[in-house]
Every structure is written in C-alpha cells, then in structure tokens.
Amino acid sequence: MSETPTVTAPPLKKKELIDTVVARSGVKKRDAKPVVEAMLAVLGETIADGRELNLAPMGKLKITRMKKTSKAQVITTRLRRNEQAQSDGPEPLAQAAE
C-alpha cells in the first residue's frame, strides 16, 4: 500500500544542512562548508549521469525517469530506505580528528 507523504517542515536548504553537519560533527563551519558543497556537487552529477546511489544510512536512490525541458532537467527518483534506518533517527557522525 502506498502512503502519501505529509510535509511537516520547510525544505532543507544548503545553509541548514551545513549548520546541522557542523553541529553533529563538531568541525568548524569553514572546514565543513566546502566538503558539503563538494558532496552535493558529486551527488548531483552522479544523478544527472543516470547512476544509482547506494549510500547508507540515506538509502538506495534509483532513477525512474529523466526528461529535459527547455529550462531544466527533470529527474524522477525512488528512494528506498530500510526500516531500521527510518526508525533509528539521526545517526551521529564520527568525531573529527584533532
């Protein structure tokens, strides 16, 4: 049975993502920001190339449809997460090396 997702919060934006990574990892923002931006670029390029992602604990992302429009490339995906990843909540990041 398919569930309709309920939007409970505004979309996660890059600034909030970087701030959350800094809070969880304990690294300085100036160190985390280029890493997060590089990671987002790599993920975006990988998806645009039509490759699947298998990244625990995020899950397995499969591309189901790709369509180019005059202004953008629309990519429809399916994200599969195991039940444990969904119920455990946020996994703490490893401590930064000092």
N, C-alpha and C. Protein backbone atom coordinates (compact mmCIF):
# COMPACT_ATOMS: atom_id res chain seq x y z
N MET A 1 0.84 -1.17 0.00
CA MET A 1 0.00 0.00 0.00
C MET A 1 0.89 1.24 0.00
N SER A 2 0.58 2.19 -0.80
CA SER A 2 1.37 3.41 -0.93
C SER A 2 0.87 4.47 0.04
N GLU A 3 1.80 5.14 0.69
CA GLU A 3 1.45 6.21 1.61
C GLU A 3 1.73 7.55 0.96
N THR A 4 0.86 8.50 1.18
CA THR A 4 1.08 9.85 0.70
C THR A 4 1.89 10.60 1.75
N PRO A 5 3.06 11.13 1.36
CA PRO A 5 3.89 11.82 2.36
C PRO A 5 3.21 13.09 2.85
N THR A 6 3.44 13.38 4.12
CA THR A 6 2.93 14.60 4.72
C THR A 6 4.11 15.54 4.94
N VAL A 7 4.05 16.71 4.37
CA VAL A 7 5.12 17.69 4.55
C VAL A 7 4.91 18.35 5.89
N THR A 8 5.91 18.19 6.78
CA THR A 8 5.77 18.71 8.13
C THR A 8 6.71 19.87 8.42
N ALA A 9 7.61 20.15 7.49
CA ALA A 9 8.58 21.23 7.71
C ALA A 9 8.98 21.80 6.35
N PRO A 10 9.56 22.98 6.36
CA PRO A 10 10.02 23.55 5.09
C PRO A 10 11.18 22.71 4.52
N PRO A 11 11.48 22.88 3.24
CA PRO A 11 12.56 22.12 2.63
C PRO A 11 13.90 22.40 3.32
N LEU A 12 14.76 21.39 3.34
CA LEU A 12 16.10 21.55 3.89
C LEU A 12 16.94 22.29 2.85
N LYS A 13 17.50 23.40 3.24
CA LYS A 13 18.34 24.19 2.34
C LYS A 13 19.80 23.99 2.71
N LYS A 14 20.68 24.38 1.81
CA LYS A 14 22.11 24.14 2.00
C LYS A 14 22.65 24.74 3.29
N LYS A 15 22.25 25.94 3.63
CA LYS A 15 22.74 26.58 4.86
C LYS A 15 22.38 25.75 6.09
N GLU A 16 21.13 25.29 6.15
CA GLU A 16 20.70 24.47 7.28
C GLU A 16 21.45 23.14 7.31
N LEU A 17 21.67 22.55 6.13
CA LEU A 17 22.42 21.30 6.05
C LEU A 17 23.83 21.49 6.60
N ILE A 18 24.50 22.55 6.18
CA ILE A 18 25.86 22.82 6.66
C ILE A 18 25.86 23.05 8.16
N ASP A 19 24.91 23.84 8.66
CA ASP A 19 24.82 24.10 10.10
C ASP A 19 24.59 22.81 10.89
N THR A 20 23.77 21.91 10.36
CA THR A 20 23.49 20.64 11.03
C THR A 20 24.73 19.74 11.03
N VAL A 21 25.44 19.71 9.91
CA VAL A 21 26.68 18.91 9.84
C VAL A 21 27.70 19.45 10.84
N VAL A 22 27.82 20.76 10.93
CA VAL A 22 28.75 21.38 11.88
C VAL A 22 28.35 20.99 13.31
N ALA A 23 27.06 21.08 13.62
CA ALA A 23 26.59 20.76 14.97
C ALA A 23 26.83 19.30 15.33
N ARG A 24 26.60 18.40 14.39
CA ARG A 24 26.74 16.97 14.69
C ARG A 24 28.19 16.50 14.69
N SER A 25 29.01 17.11 13.87
CA SER A 25 30.38 16.62 13.72
C SER A 25 31.38 17.33 14.63
N GLY A 26 31.08 18.57 14.97
CA GLY A 26 32.00 19.34 15.79
C GLY A 26 33.11 20.00 14.99
N VAL A 27 33.10 19.84 13.66
CA VAL A 27 34.12 20.51 12.85
C VAL A 27 33.72 21.96 12.65
N LYS A 28 34.67 22.76 12.29
CA LYS A 28 34.39 24.18 12.07
C LYS A 28 33.64 24.37 10.76
N LYS A 29 32.80 25.41 10.74
CA LYS A 29 31.99 25.68 9.56
C LYS A 29 32.87 25.90 8.33
N ARG A 30 33.99 26.59 8.50
CA ARG A 30 34.86 26.85 7.35
C ARG A 30 35.44 25.56 6.77
N ASP A 31 35.53 24.50 7.60
CA ASP A 31 36.01 23.20 7.12
C ASP A 31 34.87 22.37 6.53
N ALA A 32 33.69 22.47 7.11
CA ALA A 32 32.55 21.65 6.68
C ALA A 32 31.94 22.16 5.38
N LYS A 33 31.87 23.47 5.21
CA LYS A 33 31.16 24.05 4.06
C LYS A 33 31.70 23.55 2.72
N PRO A 34 33.02 23.59 2.45
CA PRO A 34 33.49 23.11 1.15
C PRO A 34 33.27 21.62 0.95
N VAL A 35 33.30 20.85 2.02
CA VAL A 35 33.08 19.41 1.91
C VAL A 35 31.62 19.13 1.56
N VAL A 36 30.70 19.80 2.24
CA VAL A 36 29.28 19.62 1.96
C VAL A 36 28.97 20.08 0.53
N GLU A 37 29.52 21.21 0.11
CA GLU A 37 29.27 21.69 -1.26
C GLU A 37 29.83 20.73 -2.29
N ALA A 38 31.01 20.17 -2.05
CA ALA A 38 31.60 19.20 -2.98
C ALA A 38 30.76 17.93 -3.02
N MET A 39 30.29 17.48 -1.87
CA MET A 39 29.45 16.28 -1.81
C MET A 39 28.16 16.49 -2.59
N LEU A 40 27.52 17.64 -2.42
CA LEU A 40 26.29 17.93 -3.15
C LEU A 40 26.54 17.97 -4.65
N ALA A 41 27.68 18.53 -5.06
CA ALA A 41 28.02 18.57 -6.48
C ALA A 41 28.22 17.16 -7.04
N VAL A 42 28.91 16.32 -6.30
CA VAL A 42 29.15 14.94 -6.75
C VAL A 42 27.84 14.17 -6.83
N LEU A 43 26.98 14.32 -5.83
CA LEU A 43 25.68 13.63 -5.85
C LEU A 43 24.83 14.11 -7.03
N GLY A 44 24.80 15.42 -7.25
CA GLY A 44 24.03 15.96 -8.36
C GLY A 44 24.54 15.48 -9.72
N GLU A 45 25.86 15.46 -9.90
CA GLU A 45 26.45 14.98 -11.15
C GLU A 45 26.16 13.49 -11.35
N THR A 46 26.25 12.73 -10.28
CA THR A 46 26.01 11.29 -10.37
C THR A 46 24.57 11.00 -10.78
N ILE A 47 23.63 11.71 -10.18
CA ILE A 47 22.23 11.53 -10.53
C ILE A 47 21.97 11.99 -11.96
N ALA A 48 22.55 13.12 -12.36
CA ALA A 48 22.37 13.63 -13.72
C ALA A 48 22.93 12.66 -14.76
N ASP A 49 23.96 11.89 -14.37
CA ASP A 49 24.54 10.89 -15.28
C ASP A 49 23.70 9.62 -15.35
N GLY A 50 22.64 9.56 -14.53
CA GLY A 50 21.76 8.40 -14.57
C GLY A 50 22.22 7.25 -13.68
N ARG A 51 23.18 7.49 -12.82
CA ARG A 51 23.68 6.44 -11.94
C ARG A 51 22.85 6.36 -10.66
N GLU A 52 22.69 5.15 -10.16
CA GLU A 52 22.00 4.96 -8.90
C GLU A 52 22.96 5.26 -7.76
N LEU A 53 22.40 5.60 -6.60
CA LEU A 53 23.18 5.81 -5.39
C LEU A 53 22.80 4.73 -4.40
N ASN A 54 23.79 4.22 -3.68
CA ASN A 54 23.54 3.28 -2.60
C ASN A 54 24.36 3.75 -1.42
N LEU A 55 23.79 4.64 -0.63
CA LEU A 55 24.52 5.33 0.43
C LEU A 55 23.80 5.18 1.77
N ALA A 56 24.26 4.25 2.57
CA ALA A 56 23.69 4.07 3.90
C ALA A 56 24.16 5.23 4.78
N PRO A 57 23.40 5.74 5.67
CA PRO A 57 22.05 5.34 6.03
C PRO A 57 20.97 6.04 5.20
N MET A 58 21.36 6.86 4.23
CA MET A 58 20.36 7.56 3.41
C MET A 58 19.47 6.56 2.69
N GLY A 59 20.05 5.56 2.06
CA GLY A 59 19.29 4.55 1.36
C GLY A 59 19.75 4.40 -0.07
N LYS A 60 18.97 3.66 -0.84
CA LYS A 60 19.29 3.41 -2.25
C LYS A 60 18.37 4.26 -3.11
N LEU A 61 18.97 5.11 -3.92
CA LEU A 61 18.23 6.01 -4.79
C LEU A 61 18.31 5.47 -6.21
N LYS A 62 17.17 5.23 -6.81
CA LYS A 62 17.09 4.70 -8.17
C LYS A 62 16.38 5.72 -9.05
N ILE A 63 16.93 5.96 -10.21
CA ILE A 63 16.32 6.91 -11.15
C ILE A 63 15.24 6.17 -11.93
N THR A 64 14.03 6.73 -11.92
CA THR A 64 12.92 6.08 -12.62
C THR A 64 12.58 6.77 -13.94
N ARG A 65 12.93 8.05 -14.04
CA ARG A 65 12.62 8.78 -15.27
C ARG A 65 13.48 10.02 -15.37
N MET A 66 13.92 10.35 -16.59
CA MET A 66 14.68 11.58 -16.84
C MET A 66 14.05 12.28 -18.04
N LYS A 67 13.90 13.60 -17.92
CA LYS A 67 13.29 14.36 -19.00
C LYS A 67 13.95 15.74 -19.05
N LYS A 68 14.34 16.17 -20.24
CA LYS A 68 14.89 17.51 -20.40
C LYS A 68 13.77 18.44 -20.85
N THR A 69 13.74 19.61 -20.22
CA THR A 69 12.82 20.66 -20.64
C THR A 69 13.67 21.81 -21.16
N SER A 70 13.03 22.86 -21.59
CA SER A 70 13.79 23.99 -22.12
C SER A 70 14.59 24.70 -21.03
N LYS A 71 14.17 24.57 -19.76
CA LYS A 71 14.84 25.30 -18.69
C LYS A 71 15.53 24.40 -17.66
N ALA A 72 15.26 23.10 -17.71
CA ALA A 72 15.81 22.24 -16.66
C ALA A 72 15.81 20.78 -17.10
N GLN A 73 16.46 19.98 -16.29
CA GLN A 73 16.40 18.54 -16.45
C GLN A 73 15.58 18.01 -15.27
N VAL A 74 14.49 17.32 -15.58
CA VAL A 74 13.62 16.78 -14.54
C VAL A 74 13.99 15.32 -14.35
N ILE A 75 14.36 14.96 -13.11
CA ILE A 75 14.76 13.60 -12.80
C ILE A 75 13.84 13.09 -11.71
N THR A 76 13.13 12.01 -12.01
CA THR A 76 12.25 11.39 -11.04
C THR A 76 12.99 10.21 -10.43
N THR A 77 12.98 10.14 -9.12
CA THR A 77 13.74 9.08 -8.44
C THR A 77 12.86 8.36 -7.44
N ARG A 78 13.38 7.22 -7.00
CA ARG A 78 12.75 6.46 -5.93
C ARG A 78 13.83 6.20 -4.90
N LEU A 79 13.54 6.51 -3.65
CA LEU A 79 14.48 6.30 -2.56
C LEU A 79 13.96 5.19 -1.67
N ARG A 80 14.78 4.16 -1.52
CA ARG A 80 14.40 3.04 -0.67
C ARG A 80 15.30 3.02 0.56
N ARG A 81 14.66 3.04 1.72
CA ARG A 81 15.38 3.00 2.99
C ARG A 81 14.92 1.79 3.76
N ASN A 82 15.85 1.13 4.45
CA ASN A 82 15.40 0.00 5.26
C ASN A 82 14.72 0.53 6.51
N GLU A 83 13.90 -0.30 7.12
CA GLU A 83 13.10 0.13 8.28
C GLU A 83 13.96 0.60 9.43
N GLN A 84 15.11 -0.03 9.65
CA GLN A 84 15.98 0.35 10.76
C GLN A 84 16.49 1.78 10.57
N ALA A 85 16.88 2.15 9.37
CA ALA A 85 17.40 3.50 9.11
C ALA A 85 16.32 4.54 9.38
N GLN A 86 15.07 4.21 9.10
CA GLN A 86 13.98 5.15 9.31
C GLN A 86 13.64 5.30 10.78
N SER A 87 13.69 4.21 11.55
CA SER A 87 13.23 4.27 12.93
C SER A 87 14.30 4.71 13.91
N ASP A 88 15.58 4.55 13.57
CA ASP A 88 16.65 4.90 14.49
C ASP A 88 16.84 6.40 14.64
N GLY A 89 16.37 7.18 13.70
CA GLY A 89 16.56 8.62 13.76
C GLY A 89 17.95 8.99 13.28
N PRO A 90 18.36 10.20 13.52
CA PRO A 90 19.66 10.66 13.01
C PRO A 90 20.81 9.87 13.62
N GLU A 91 21.70 9.43 12.76
CA GLU A 91 22.88 8.71 13.23
C GLU A 91 23.98 9.73 13.50
N PRO A 92 24.60 9.67 14.67
CA PRO A 92 25.66 10.64 14.95
C PRO A 92 26.85 10.42 14.03
N LEU A 93 27.48 11.51 13.67
CA LEU A 93 28.65 11.42 12.81
C LEU A 93 29.87 11.09 13.65
N ALA A 94 30.88 10.55 13.00
CA ALA A 94 32.12 10.23 13.68
C ALA A 94 32.78 11.54 14.15
N GLN A 95 33.50 11.45 15.22
CA GLN A 95 34.18 12.62 15.74
C GLN A 95 35.31 13.02 14.79
N ALA A 96 35.49 14.30 14.61
CA ALA A 96 36.55 14.80 13.75
C ALA A 96 37.90 14.54 14.40
N ALA A 97 38.88 14.24 13.55
CA ALA A 97 40.23 14.05 14.06
C ALA A 97 40.79 15.39 14.53
N GLU A 98 41.49 15.35 15.62
CA GLU A 98 42.02 16.62 16.14
C GLU A 98 43.48 16.75 15.86
